[in-house]
Amino acid sequence: MQLRGCGTALVTPFRSDGSIDEPALRSLVEWQIASGVHFLVPCGTTGETPTLSHEEWLRVIDITIEVTNRRVPIVAGATSNSTQEAIHKAKTAAARQGVDAILSASPYYNKPTQEGQYQHFRAVAEAIDKAVVLYNVPGRTAANIEPATLARLAQVRNIVAVKEASGSMTQIAEVLNLVPEDFIVLSGDDAITLPVISLGGQGIISVASNVIPAEIASMTQAALDGDWTKARRLHRKHLPLMQGLFLESNPMPVKCVLAMMGRIGENYRLPMVRVKADTRSKLERIASEIGLLAERVAAG
């Protein structure tokens, strides 16, 4: 398994009655792979996982496995603010043939200490045989995984990577200085993918690649190949979209744009709701300027 390049943090399409739109999910996964993304991440925050039942969470993972059919690695989200529940979810997902690694975020709301986070993640990792990717997103969890703690966790045999969404380039630089050379650091924010790679990162777990998979995969690969002219050109073209997708809480804007493109219905589960009118107007302008809405017309 090679977690390098662009991995898409998949949205979970819903029908108007709130059920999972399985045909839309299958279509989305197929399009992602055909567009050249390097791996897929079902059931992360972007997938509205906190609102999925245990059965639905597993169904989304199973559909992703089935459609992917081993063509790209799958990193399945398995997070809880109860360590025992996180272990249970990690074991369940890791037992699935076709799941290559587990993505697990810091326990949210509890605000554990650094030692608490270390013990939590170590317990999750030691409960399974598959690779574990940590997810540091303090803006959502209220608990930052500090570089020294991450360096300790990198010593655990199967903790192989981190999705770093702390928003601090200084912290990410420090992480890259502290972890072993073979430990994988992935950007958790589309807009800073290039600087993370320039410091030694290996790619991105992306929100924007839900709507522009070929472009984000190409930008990431160009940077990894050292073709910075191409990487910067793609970054500059798509930066307004990367920023626009976070005008309101993720995944509300990205599902709005996917609906504009005709890829999914614009349906959410509370507490996620439709974006405000002015946000919608901004997203429509950005999407139109880079040709995303023309794709819907072409698709009929």
C-alpha atoms as a PDB file:
ATOM      1  CA  MET A   1       0.000   0.000   0.000  1.00  0.00           C
ATOM      2  CA  GLN A   2       1.316   3.420  -0.963  1.00  0.00           C
ATOM      3  CA  LEU A   3      -0.399   6.409   0.663  1.00  0.00           C
ATOM      4  CA  ARG A   4       1.113   9.005  -1.626  1.00  0.00           C
ATOM      5  CA  GLY A   5      -0.508  11.627  -3.803  1.00  0.00           C
ATOM      6  CA  CYS A   6      -4.141  12.703  -3.664  1.00  0.00           C
ATOM      7  CA  GLY A   7      -6.687  10.864  -1.555  1.00  0.00           C
ATOM      8  CA  THR A   8     -10.296  12.041  -1.680  1.00  0.00           C
ATOM      9  CA  ALA A   9     -12.231  12.461   1.572  1.00  0.00           C
ATOM     10  CA  LEU A  10     -15.492  11.270   0.035  1.00  0.00           C
ATOM     11  CA  VAL A  11     -18.828  12.943   0.669  1.00  0.00           C
ATOM     12  CA  THR A  12     -21.768  10.668   1.483  1.00  0.00           C
ATOM     13  CA  PRO A  13     -24.640  11.374  -0.954  1.00  0.00           C
ATOM     14  CA  PHE A  14     -28.122  11.292   0.556  1.00  0.00           C
ATOM     15  CA  ARG A  15     -31.586  11.099  -0.979  1.00  0.00           C
ATOM     16  CA  SER A  16     -34.239  13.674  -0.127  1.00  0.00           C
ATOM     17  CA  ASP A  17     -35.696  11.250   2.441  1.00  0.00           C
ATOM     18  CA  GLY A  18     -32.326  11.160   4.252  1.00  0.00           C
ATOM     19  CA  SER A  19     -31.276   7.663   3.178  1.00  0.00           C
ATOM     20  CA  ILE A  20     -27.911   6.981   1.566  1.00  0.00           C
ATOM     21  CA  ASP A  21     -28.020   7.470  -2.209  1.00  0.00           C
ATOM     22  CA  GLU A  22     -26.137   4.310  -3.134  1.00  0.00           C
ATOM     23  CA  PRO A  23     -26.157   4.792  -6.940  1.00  0.00           C
ATOM     24  CA  ALA A  24     -24.758   8.332  -6.527  1.00  0.00           C
ATOM     25  CA  LEU A  25     -22.053   7.018  -4.182  1.00  0.00           C
ATOM     26  CA  ARG A  26     -21.093   4.284  -6.641  1.00  0.00           C
ATOM     27  CA  SER A  27     -20.932   6.795  -9.474  1.00  0.00           C
ATOM     28  CA  LEU A  28     -18.848   9.188  -7.400  1.00  0.00           C
ATOM     29  CA  VAL A  29     -16.317   6.491  -6.462  1.00  0.00           C
ATOM     30  CA  GLU A  30     -16.010   5.332 -10.082  1.00  0.00           C
ATOM     31  CA  TRP A  31     -15.500   8.904 -11.306  1.00  0.00           C
ATOM     32  CA  GLN A  32     -12.822   9.526  -8.689  1.00  0.00           C
ATOM     33  CA  ILE A  33     -10.833   6.469  -9.764  1.00  0.00           C
ATOM     34  CA  ALA A  34     -11.272   7.214 -13.472  1.00  0.00           C
ATOM     35  CA  SER A  35     -10.011  10.748 -12.800  1.00  0.00           C
ATOM     36  CA  GLY A  36      -6.743   9.464 -11.359  1.00  0.00           C
ATOM     37  CA  VAL A  37      -6.992   9.959  -7.596  1.00  0.00           C
ATOM     38  CA  HIS A  38      -4.433   7.848  -5.789  1.00  0.00           C
ATOM     39  CA  PHE A  39      -6.531   6.575  -2.862  1.00  0.00           C
ATOM     40  CA  LEU A  40     -10.004   7.002  -1.333  1.00  0.00           C
ATOM     41  CA  VAL A  41     -11.115   7.938   2.178  1.00  0.00           C
ATOM     42  CA  PRO A  42     -14.756   7.023   2.918  1.00  0.00           C
ATOM     43  CA  CYS A  43     -16.373   7.945   6.235  1.00  0.00           C
ATOM     44  CA  GLY A  44     -14.200  10.859   7.255  1.00  0.00           C
ATOM     45  CA  THR A  45     -15.637  14.154   8.506  1.00  0.00           C
ATOM     46  CA  THR A  46     -16.474  15.110   4.899  1.00  0.00           C
ATOM     47  CA  GLY A  47     -18.700  12.026   4.757  1.00  0.00           C
ATOM     48  CA  GLU A  48     -20.923  13.357   7.583  1.00  0.00           C
ATOM     49  CA  THR A  49     -19.926  10.252   9.524  1.00  0.00           C
ATOM     50  CA  PRO A  50     -21.183  11.494  12.926  1.00  0.00           C
ATOM     51  CA  THR A  51     -24.720  11.285  11.513  1.00  0.00           C
ATOM     52  CA  LEU A  52     -24.396   7.751  10.105  1.00  0.00           C
ATOM     53  CA  SER A  53     -25.621   4.743  12.042  1.00  0.00           C
ATOM     54  CA  HIS A  54     -23.121   1.926  12.556  1.00  0.00           C
ATOM     55  CA  GLU A  55     -24.803  -0.050   9.764  1.00  0.00           C
ATOM     56  CA  GLU A  56     -24.740   2.923   7.376  1.00  0.00           C
ATOM     57  CA  TRP A  57     -21.090   3.648   8.179  1.00  0.00           C
ATOM     58  CA  LEU A  58     -20.187   0.081   7.272  1.00  0.00           C
ATOM     59  CA  ARG A  59     -22.383   0.167   4.159  1.00  0.00           C
ATOM     60  CA  VAL A  60     -20.562   3.220   2.798  1.00  0.00           C
ATOM     61  CA  ILE A  61     -17.234   1.447   3.356  1.00  0.00           C
ATOM     62  CA  ASP A  62     -18.502  -1.751   1.706  1.00  0.00           C
ATOM     63  CA  ILE A  63     -19.806   0.093  -1.372  1.00  0.00           C
ATOM     64  CA  THR A  64     -16.467   1.882  -1.715  1.00  0.00           C
ATOM     65  CA  ILE A  65     -14.644  -1.471  -1.495  1.00  0.00           C
ATOM     66  CA  GLU A  66     -16.952  -3.080  -4.057  1.00  0.00           C
ATOM     67  CA  VAL A  67     -16.701  -0.315  -6.662  1.00  0.00           C
ATOM     68  CA  THR A  68     -12.977   0.246  -6.137  1.00  0.00           C
ATOM     69  CA  ASN A  69     -12.221  -3.460  -6.582  1.00  0.00           C
ATOM     70  CA  ARG A  70      -8.612  -3.051  -5.423  1.00  0.00           C
ATOM     71  CA  ARG A  71      -7.776  -0.428  -8.063  1.00  0.00           C
ATOM     72  CA  VAL A  72      -6.666   2.116  -5.443  1.00  0.00           C
ATOM     73  CA  PRO A  73      -6.059   1.865  -1.677  1.00  0.00           C
ATOM     74  CA  ILE A  74      -8.933   2.584   0.716  1.00  0.00           C
ATOM     75  CA  VAL A  75      -8.418   4.374   4.030  1.00  0.00           C
ATOM     76  CA  ALA A  76     -11.608   3.944   6.065  1.00  0.00           C
ATOM     77  CA  GLY A  77     -12.579   6.470   8.713  1.00  0.00           C
ATOM     78  CA  ALA A  78     -13.004   5.014  12.213  1.00  0.00           C
ATOM     79  CA  THR A  79     -13.252   7.701  14.886  1.00  0.00           C
ATOM     80  CA  SER A  80     -14.941   7.991  18.259  1.00  0.00           C
ATOM     81  CA  ASN A  81     -14.407  10.031  21.407  1.00  0.00           C
ATOM     82  CA  SER A  82     -14.744   6.773  23.322  1.00  0.00           C
ATOM     83  CA  THR A  83     -11.537   4.775  22.991  1.00  0.00           C
ATOM     84  CA  GLN A  84     -13.411   1.467  23.291  1.00  0.00           C
ATOM     85  CA  GLU A  85     -15.809   2.483  20.510  1.00  0.00           C
ATOM     86  CA  ALA A  86     -12.912   3.686  18.342  1.00  0.00           C
ATOM     87  CA  ILE A  87     -11.239   0.290  18.833  1.00  0.00           C
ATOM     88  CA  HIS A  88     -14.478  -1.502  17.919  1.00  0.00           C
ATOM     89  CA  LYS A  89     -14.912   0.565  14.745  1.00  0.00           C
ATOM     90  CA  ALA A  90     -11.259   0.157  13.772  1.00  0.00           C
ATOM     91  CA  LYS A  91     -11.486  -3.628  14.230  1.00  0.00           C
ATOM     92  CA  THR A  92     -14.703  -3.805  12.209  1.00  0.00           C
ATOM     93  CA  ALA A  93     -13.347  -1.759   9.307  1.00  0.00           C
ATOM     94  CA  ALA A  94      -9.922  -3.417   9.340  1.00  0.00           C
ATOM     95  CA  ALA A  95     -11.565  -6.840   9.046  1.00  0.00           C
ATOM     96  CA  ARG A  96     -12.999  -5.831   5.659  1.00  0.00           C
ATOM     97  CA  GLN A  97     -11.056  -7.200   2.683  1.00  0.00           C
ATOM     98  CA  GLY A  98     -10.215  -4.155   0.583  1.00  0.00           C
ATOM     99  CA  VAL A  99      -9.641  -1.745   3.464  1.00  0.00           C
ATOM    100  CA  ASP A 100      -5.931  -0.969   3.476  1.00  0.00           C
ATOM    101  CA  ALA A 101      -5.692   1.456   6.391  1.00  0.00           C
ATOM    102  CA  ILE A 102      -7.743   3.179   9.082  1.00  0.00           C
ATOM    103  CA  LEU A 103      -8.071   6.949   9.520  1.00  0.00           C
ATOM    104  CA  SER A 104      -8.769   7.962  13.110  1.00  0.00           C
ATOM    105  CA  ALA A 105      -9.146  11.497  14.459  1.00  0.00           C
ATOM    106  CA  SER A 106      -8.457  12.771  17.961  1.00  0.00           C
ATOM    107  CA  PRO A 107     -11.252  12.186  20.474  1.00  0.00           C
ATOM    108  CA  TYR A 108     -13.547  15.176  20.035  1.00  0.00           C
ATOM    109  CA  TYR A 109     -15.134  17.194  22.862  1.00  0.00           C
ATOM    110  CA  ASN A 110     -13.259  15.273  25.599  1.00  0.00           C
ATOM    111  CA  LYS A 111     -10.145  17.484  25.117  1.00  0.00           C
ATOM    112  CA  PRO A 112      -7.673  14.798  26.231  1.00  0.00           C
ATOM    113  CA  THR A 113      -4.172  15.729  27.293  1.00  0.00           C
ATOM    114  CA  GLN A 114      -1.193  14.819  25.123  1.00  0.00           C
ATOM    115  CA  GLU A 115      -0.716  11.669  27.197  1.00  0.00           C
ATOM    116  CA  GLY A 116      -4.405  10.858  26.807  1.00  0.00           C
ATOM    117  CA  GLN A 117      -4.159  11.169  23.030  1.00  0.00           C
ATOM    118  CA  TYR A 118      -1.041   9.026  22.971  1.00  0.00           C
ATOM    119  CA  GLN A 119      -2.714   6.272  24.983  1.00  0.00           C
ATOM    120  CA  HIS A 120      -5.898   6.506  22.880  1.00  0.00           C
ATOM    121  CA  PHE A 121      -4.183   6.165  19.522  1.00  0.00           C
ATOM    122  CA  ARG A 122      -1.781   3.500  20.729  1.00  0.00           C
ATOM    123  CA  ALA A 123      -4.726   1.427  21.993  1.00  0.00           C
ATOM    124  CA  VAL A 124      -6.526   1.757  18.641  1.00  0.00           C
ATOM    125  CA  ALA A 125      -3.400   0.844  16.655  1.00  0.00           C
ATOM    126  CA  GLU A 126      -2.487  -2.121  18.833  1.00  0.00           C
ATOM    127  CA  ALA A 127      -5.989  -3.571  18.429  1.00  0.00           C
ATOM    128  CA  ILE A 128      -5.595  -4.084  14.662  1.00  0.00           C
ATOM    129  CA  ASP A 129      -3.020  -5.369  12.189  1.00  0.00           C
ATOM    130  CA  LYS A 130      -3.595  -2.817   9.456  1.00  0.00           C
ATOM    131  CA  ALA A 131      -1.956   0.573   9.030  1.00  0.00           C
ATOM    132  CA  VAL A 132      -3.308   3.541  10.971  1.00  0.00           C
ATOM    133  CA  VAL A 133      -3.406   7.142   9.740  1.00  0.00           C
ATOM    134  CA  LEU A 134      -3.862   9.708  12.502  1.00  0.00           C
ATOM    135  CA  TYR A 135      -6.002  12.762  11.817  1.00  0.00           C
ATOM    136  CA  ASN A 136      -5.051  15.991  13.545  1.00  0.00           C
ATOM    137  CA  VAL A 137      -7.832  18.555  13.127  1.00  0.00           C
ATOM    138  CA  PRO A 138      -7.956  20.652  16.321  1.00  0.00           C
ATOM    139  CA  GLY A 139     -10.451  23.085  14.770  1.00  0.00           C
ATOM    140  CA  ARG A 140     -13.004  20.255  14.934  1.00  0.00           C
ATOM    141  CA  THR A 141     -11.821  18.213  17.906  1.00  0.00           C
ATOM    142  CA  ALA A 142     -10.478  20.912  20.277  1.00  0.00           C
ATOM    143  CA  ALA A 143      -7.408  18.690  20.803  1.00  0.00           C
ATOM    144  CA  ASN A 144      -4.145  19.292  18.936  1.00  0.00           C
ATOM    145  CA  ILE A 145      -1.706  16.398  18.479  1.00  0.00           C
ATOM    146  CA  GLU A 146       1.538  18.202  19.270  1.00  0.00           C
ATOM    147  CA  PRO A 147       4.685  17.334  17.293  1.00  0.00           C
ATOM    148  CA  ALA A 148       6.381  15.626  20.248  1.00  0.00           C
ATOM    149  CA  THR A 149       3.316  13.418  20.790  1.00  0.00           C
ATOM    150  CA  LEU A 150       3.180  12.577  17.093  1.00  0.00           C
ATOM    151  CA  ALA A 151       6.870  11.609  17.193  1.00  0.00           C
ATOM    152  CA  ARG A 152       6.070   9.185  20.050  1.00  0.00           C
ATOM    153  CA  LEU A 153       3.106   7.747  18.160  1.00  0.00           C
ATOM    154  CA  ALA A 154       5.247   7.287  15.043  1.00  0.00           C
ATOM    155  CA  GLN A 155       7.183   4.678  17.023  1.00  0.00           C
ATOM    156  CA  VAL A 156       4.078   2.464  17.208  1.00  0.00           C
ATOM    157  CA  ARG A 157       4.581  -0.246  14.580  1.00  0.00           C
ATOM    158  CA  ASN A 158       1.486   0.297  12.452  1.00  0.00           C
ATOM    159  CA  ILE A 159       0.931   4.038  12.906  1.00  0.00           C
ATOM    160  CA  VAL A 160       2.321   5.021   9.524  1.00  0.00           C
ATOM    161  CA  ALA A 161       0.932   8.453   8.685  1.00  0.00           C
ATOM    162  CA  VAL A 162      -0.821  11.624   9.790  1.00  0.00           C
ATOM    163  CA  LYS A 163      -3.342  13.829   8.062  1.00  0.00           C
ATOM    164  CA  GLU A 164      -2.223  17.218   9.357  1.00  0.00           C
ATOM    165  CA  ALA A 165      -4.966  19.846   9.460  1.00  0.00           C
ATOM    166  CA  SER A 166      -3.706  21.971  12.342  1.00  0.00           C
ATOM    167  CA  GLY A 167      -3.484  24.959   9.985  1.00  0.00           C
ATOM    168  CA  SER A 168       0.014  25.757  11.235  1.00  0.00           C
ATOM    169  CA  MET A 169       2.860  25.428   8.745  1.00  0.00           C
ATOM    170  CA  THR A 170       5.295  25.899  11.627  1.00  0.00           C
ATOM    171  CA  GLN A 171       3.815  22.874  13.382  1.00  0.00           C
ATOM    172  CA  ILE A 172       3.863  20.794  10.184  1.00  0.00           C
ATOM    173  CA  ALA A 173       7.509  21.746   9.601  1.00  0.00           C
ATOM    174  CA  GLU A 174       8.326  20.658  13.152  1.00  0.00           C
ATOM    175  CA  VAL A 175       6.462  17.378  12.665  1.00  0.00           C
ATOM    176  CA  LEU A 176       8.494  16.621   9.541  1.00  0.00           C
ATOM    177  CA  ASN A 177      11.685  17.290  11.490  1.00  0.00           C
ATOM    178  CA  LEU A 178      10.709  14.959  14.329  1.00  0.00           C
ATOM    179  CA  VAL A 179       9.111  11.900  12.707  1.00  0.00           C
ATOM    180  CA  PRO A 180      11.104   9.080  11.046  1.00  0.00           C
ATOM    181  CA  GLU A 181      11.886   9.545   7.363  1.00  0.00           C
ATOM    182  CA  ASP A 182       9.472   6.805   6.300  1.00  0.00           C
ATOM    183  CA  PHE A 183       6.545   8.288   8.286  1.00  0.00           C
ATOM    184  CA  ILE A 184       3.978   9.793   5.904  1.00  0.00           C
ATOM    185  CA  VAL A 185       2.766  13.356   6.454  1.00  0.00           C
ATOM    186  CA  LEU A 186      -0.296  14.306   4.397  1.00  0.00           C
ATOM    187  CA  SER A 187      -1.807  17.766   4.177  1.00  0.00           C
ATOM    188  CA  GLY A 188      -5.323  18.050   5.561  1.00  0.00           C
ATOM    189  CA  ASP A 189      -5.943  21.397   3.840  1.00  0.00           C
ATOM    190  CA  ASP A 190      -6.061  21.711   0.041  1.00  0.00           C
ATOM    191  CA  ALA A 191      -4.676  25.239   0.018  1.00  0.00           C
ATOM    192  CA  ILE A 192      -1.386  24.258   1.696  1.00  0.00           C
ATOM    193  CA  THR A 193      -0.710  21.024  -0.181  1.00  0.00           C
ATOM    194  CA  LEU A 194       2.254  22.472  -2.085  1.00  0.00           C
ATOM    195  CA  PRO A 195       4.119  23.911   0.914  1.00  0.00           C
ATOM    196  CA  VAL A 196       3.579  20.664   2.848  1.00  0.00           C
ATOM    197  CA  ILE A 197       5.058  18.655  -0.041  1.00  0.00           C
ATOM    198  CA  SER A 198       7.945  21.113  -0.342  1.00  0.00           C
ATOM    199  CA  LEU A 199       8.863  20.346   3.285  1.00  0.00           C
ATOM    200  CA  GLY A 200       8.745  16.587   2.737  1.00  0.00           C
ATOM    201  CA  GLY A 201       5.035  15.731   2.869  1.00  0.00           C
ATOM    202  CA  GLN A 202       3.663  12.992   0.619  1.00  0.00           C
ATOM    203  CA  GLY A 203       0.351  14.445  -0.539  1.00  0.00           C
ATOM    204  CA  ILE A 204      -3.141  15.471   0.488  1.00  0.00           C
ATOM    205  CA  ILE A 205      -6.367  14.007   1.835  1.00  0.00           C
ATOM    206  CA  SER A 206      -8.534  16.386  -0.112  1.00  0.00           C
ATOM    207  CA  VAL A 207     -11.999  17.903   0.033  1.00  0.00           C
ATOM    208  CA  ALA A 208     -11.638  19.764  -3.286  1.00  0.00           C
ATOM    209  CA  SER A 209     -10.900  16.540  -5.176  1.00  0.00           C
ATOM    210  CA  ASN A 210     -14.556  15.595  -4.671  1.00  0.00           C
ATOM    211  CA  VAL A 211     -15.325  18.141  -7.397  1.00  0.00           C
ATOM    212  CA  ILE A 212     -12.014  18.425  -9.311  1.00  0.00           C
ATOM    213  CA  PRO A 213     -10.375  15.027  -8.812  1.00  0.00           C
ATOM    214  CA  ALA A 214      -8.198  15.045 -11.938  1.00  0.00           C
ATOM    215  CA  GLU A 215      -6.904  18.544 -11.217  1.00  0.00           C
ATOM    216  CA  ILE A 216      -5.987  17.968  -7.555  1.00  0.00           C
ATOM    217  CA  ALA A 217      -4.411  14.587  -8.370  1.00  0.00           C
ATOM    218  CA  SER A 218      -2.414  16.185 -11.188  1.00  0.00           C
ATOM    219  CA  MET A 219      -1.308  19.135  -9.021  1.00  0.00           C
ATOM    220  CA  THR A 220      -0.207  16.829  -6.218  1.00  0.00           C
ATOM    221  CA  GLN A 221       1.649  14.471  -8.531  1.00  0.00           C
ATOM    222  CA  ALA A 222       3.401  17.370 -10.256  1.00  0.00           C
ATOM    223  CA  ALA A 223       4.664  18.659  -6.904  1.00  0.00           C
ATOM    224  CA  LEU A 224       5.832  15.182  -5.868  1.00  0.00           C
ATOM    225  CA  ASP A 225       7.634  14.880  -9.218  1.00  0.00           C
ATOM    226  CA  GLY A 226       9.341  18.248  -8.695  1.00  0.00           C
ATOM    227  CA  ASP A 227       7.446  19.935 -11.542  1.00  0.00           C
ATOM    228  CA  TRP A 228       6.709  23.061  -9.539  1.00  0.00           C
ATOM    229  CA  THR A 229       5.792  25.169 -12.570  1.00  0.00           C
ATOM    230  CA  LYS A 230       2.866  22.859 -13.363  1.00  0.00           C
ATOM    231  CA  ALA A 231       1.962  22.413  -9.692  1.00  0.00           C
ATOM    232  CA  ARG A 232       1.849  26.171  -9.072  1.00  0.00           C
ATOM    233  CA  ARG A 233      -0.187  26.788 -12.226  1.00  0.00           C
ATOM    234  CA  LEU A 234      -2.853  24.307 -11.133  1.00  0.00           C
ATOM    235  CA  HIS A 235      -2.776  25.622  -7.561  1.00  0.00           C
ATOM    236  CA  ARG A 236      -3.288  29.229  -8.660  1.00  0.00           C
ATOM    237  CA  LYS A 237      -6.159  28.298 -10.959  1.00  0.00           C
ATOM    238  CA  HIS A 238      -8.002  26.314  -8.301  1.00  0.00           C
ATOM    239  CA  LEU A 239      -7.157  28.227  -5.119  1.00  0.00           C
ATOM    240  CA  PRO A 240     -10.444  30.222  -5.222  1.00  0.00           C
ATOM    241  CA  LEU A 241     -12.372  26.919  -5.248  1.00  0.00           C
ATOM    242  CA  MET A 242     -10.235  25.456  -2.446  1.00  0.00           C
ATOM    243  CA  GLN A 243     -11.011  28.522  -0.346  1.00  0.00           C
ATOM    244  CA  GLY A 244     -14.669  28.648  -1.394  1.00  0.00           C
ATOM    245  CA  LEU A 245     -15.269  25.112  -0.185  1.00  0.00           C
ATOM    246  CA  PHE A 246     -14.602  26.337   3.358  1.00  0.00           C
ATOM    247  CA  LEU A 247     -16.778  29.460   3.311  1.00  0.00           C
ATOM    248  CA  GLU A 248     -19.089  27.459   5.581  1.00  0.00           C
ATOM    249  CA  SER A 249     -18.647  24.209   7.506  1.00  0.00           C
ATOM    250  CA  ASN A 250     -17.432  21.268   5.450  1.00  0.00           C
ATOM    251  CA  PRO A 251     -19.082  19.400   3.710  1.00  0.00           C
ATOM    252  CA  MET A 252     -21.888  21.897   3.065  1.00  0.00           C
ATOM    253  CA  PRO A 253     -20.116  23.884   0.292  1.00  0.00           C
ATOM    254  CA  VAL A 254     -18.619  20.842  -1.466  1.00  0.00           C
ATOM    255  CA  LYS A 255     -21.987  19.084  -1.602  1.00  0.00           C
ATOM    256  CA  CYS A 256     -23.513  22.308  -2.913  1.00  0.00           C
ATOM    257  CA  VAL A 257     -21.023  22.380  -5.822  1.00  0.00           C
ATOM    258  CA  LEU A 258     -21.419  18.650  -6.524  1.00  0.00           C
ATOM    259  CA  ALA A 259     -25.179  19.218  -6.733  1.00  0.00           C
ATOM    260  CA  MET A 260     -24.622  22.128  -9.147  1.00  0.00           C
ATOM    261  CA  MET A 261     -22.594  19.706 -11.282  1.00  0.00           C
ATOM    262  CA  GLY A 262     -25.387  17.140 -11.239  1.00  0.00           C
ATOM    263  CA  ARG A 263     -23.265  14.563  -9.408  1.00  0.00           C
ATOM    264  CA  ILE A 264     -25.433  14.276  -6.264  1.00  0.00           C
ATOM    265  CA  GLY A 265     -28.630  15.667  -4.804  1.00  0.00           C
ATOM    266  CA  GLU A 266     -28.090  18.546  -2.394  1.00  0.00           C
ATOM    267  CA  ASN A 267     -29.199  16.702   0.709  1.00  0.00           C
ATOM    268  CA  TYR A 268     -27.698  16.767   4.201  1.00  0.00           C
ATOM    269  CA  ARG A 269     -28.386  15.421   7.643  1.00  0.00           C
ATOM    270  CA  LEU A 270     -28.844  17.833  10.495  1.00  0.00           C
ATOM    271  CA  PRO A 271     -26.941  19.627  11.891  1.00  0.00           C
ATOM    272  CA  MET A 272     -25.571  20.187   8.347  1.00  0.00           C
ATOM    273  CA  VAL A 273     -27.857  22.396   6.240  1.00  0.00           C
ATOM    274  CA  ARG A 274     -27.779  24.120   2.855  1.00  0.00           C
ATOM    275  CA  VAL A 275     -25.357  27.025   2.511  1.00  0.00           C
ATOM    276  CA  LYS A 276     -26.538  30.631   2.696  1.00  0.00           C
ATOM    277  CA  ALA A 277     -27.641  32.402  -0.490  1.00  0.00           C
ATOM    278  CA  ASP A 278     -24.542  34.598  -0.727  1.00  0.00           C
ATOM    279  CA  THR A 279     -22.266  31.574  -0.254  1.00  0.00           C
ATOM    280  CA  ARG A 280     -24.164  29.747  -2.989  1.00  0.00           C
ATOM    281  CA  SER A 281     -23.718  32.708  -5.348  1.00  0.00           C
ATOM    282  CA  LYS A 282     -19.964  32.809  -4.689  1.00  0.00           C
ATOM    283  CA  LEU A 283     -19.623  29.075  -5.226  1.00  0.00           C
ATOM    284  CA  GLU A 284     -21.648  29.226  -8.441  1.00  0.00           C
ATOM    285  CA  ARG A 285     -19.420  32.020  -9.790  1.00  0.00           C
ATOM    286  CA  ILE A 286     -16.213  30.151  -8.893  1.00  0.00           C
ATOM    287  CA  ALA A 287     -17.502  26.867 -10.339  1.00  0.00           C
ATOM    288  CA  SER A 288     -18.646  28.594 -13.527  1.00  0.00           C
ATOM    289  CA  GLU A 289     -15.306  30.358 -14.009  1.00  0.00           C
ATOM    290  CA  ILE A 290     -13.365  27.083 -14.013  1.00  0.00           C
ATOM    291  CA  GLY A 291     -15.874  25.272 -16.221  1.00  0.00           C
ATOM    292  CA  LEU A 292     -17.494  22.950 -13.705  1.00  0.00           C
ATOM    293  CA  LEU A 293     -21.048  23.931 -14.594  1.00  0.00           C
ATOM    294  CA  ALA A 294     -20.456  23.419 -18.285  1.00  0.00           C
ATOM    295  CA  GLU A 295     -19.741  19.778 -17.402  1.00  0.00           C
ATOM    296  CA  ARG A 296     -23.303  19.403 -16.157  1.00  0.00           C
ATOM    297  CA  VAL A 297     -24.694  20.772 -19.426  1.00  0.00           C
ATOM    298  CA  ALA A 298     -22.444  18.391 -21.374  1.00  0.00           C
ATOM    299  CA  ALA A 299     -23.652  15.510 -19.246  1.00  0.00           C
ATOM    300  CA  GLY A 300     -27.202  16.358 -20.200  1.00  0.00           C
END
